Protein backbone atom coordinates (compact mmCIF):
# COMPACT_ATOMS: atom_id res chain seq x y z
CA MET A 1 78.85 29.97 104.28
CA ASN A 2 81.59 31.96 106.02
CA PHE A 3 84.67 30.43 107.62
CA ALA A 4 83.17 30.39 111.16
CA ASP A 5 80.09 28.56 109.89
CA TYR A 6 82.38 26.04 108.21
CA ILE A 7 84.35 25.44 111.42
CA PHE A 8 81.35 25.36 113.77
CA ARG A 9 79.65 22.74 111.57
CA ARG A 10 82.67 20.48 112.02
CA LEU A 11 83.57 21.05 115.68
CA ILE A 12 82.76 18.28 118.12
CA PRO A 13 80.71 19.37 121.14
CA GLY A 14 82.99 19.52 124.17
CA THR A 15 85.90 21.08 122.27
CA THR A 16 87.58 23.96 124.09
CA ILE A 17 87.77 27.06 121.89
CA THR A 18 88.65 30.73 122.09
CA VAL A 19 86.76 33.09 119.78
CA THR A 20 87.72 36.62 118.72
CA MET A 21 84.73 38.64 117.58
CA ASP A 22 84.86 41.33 114.87
CA SER A 23 84.54 43.91 117.68
CA GLY A 24 87.82 42.67 119.17
CA ASN A 25 86.15 41.01 122.17
CA ILE A 26 87.65 37.66 123.10
CA ILE A 27 85.41 34.88 124.37
CA GLY A 28 86.97 31.91 126.08
CA PRO A 29 88.48 29.62 126.61
CA ALA A 30 84.99 28.14 126.48
CA ILE A 31 83.42 24.79 125.71
CA PHE A 32 81.68 24.51 122.34
CA THR A 33 78.28 22.89 122.98
CA ASP A 34 76.12 23.36 119.88
CA TYR A 35 75.75 25.06 116.51
CA ASN A 36 72.55 25.75 114.58
CA PRO A 37 73.44 26.22 110.89
CA ALA A 38 69.95 27.53 110.10
CA THR A 39 70.40 30.53 112.41
CA GLY A 40 74.21 30.75 112.42
CA ILE A 41 74.24 30.71 116.23
CA ALA A 42 76.95 28.87 118.16
CA VAL A 43 76.45 28.05 121.83
CA LEU A 44 79.45 28.15 124.18
CA GLU A 45 79.74 27.46 127.89
CA GLU A 46 82.26 29.51 129.84
CA GLU A 47 83.10 29.16 133.52
CA GLY A 48 82.63 32.43 135.36
CA THR A 49 85.25 34.01 137.56
CA MET A 50 82.90 34.61 140.48
CA SER A 51 82.95 32.45 143.58
CA PRO A 52 81.36 29.96 143.72
CA PRO A 53 82.08 29.22 140.07
CA THR A 54 79.12 29.57 137.77
CA ASN A 55 78.79 28.54 134.15
CA MET A 56 77.68 31.13 131.64
CA ILE A 57 75.99 30.23 128.36
CA ILE A 58 77.13 32.43 125.47
CA ASN A 59 75.35 32.57 122.10
CA ILE A 60 77.37 34.07 119.25
CA GLY A 61 76.55 34.75 115.61
CA SER A 62 78.95 33.14 113.17
CA SER A 63 78.87 36.21 110.91
CA LYS A 64 80.51 38.28 113.67
CA VAL A 65 83.43 35.90 114.32
CA GLU A 66 86.92 37.08 113.36
CA SER A 67 88.89 34.00 114.46
CA ILE A 68 88.53 30.69 116.28
CA ILE A 69 91.34 28.99 118.17
CA TYR A 70 91.09 25.31 119.10
CA ASP A 71 93.30 22.28 119.51
CA ALA A 72 92.84 20.16 116.38
CA THR A 73 93.91 17.06 118.30
CA GLU A 74 90.65 17.29 120.31
CA GLU A 75 88.62 16.50 117.20
């Protein structure tokens, strides 16, 4: 279990998070919706910048996560 797996297992769906990937890409702020510990895949929902606003579903692998930022008071 890596640190991202540990955090994703404990996050409450609906929590707003920002994720930095090991490539340096930043995802978010996005809404955490689900985590599958068997596959290590976290599902996030991010509002697009296009008009009209569209929601994008983002699947990320926990092994590629460098850091996760969230407000602990949301838990």
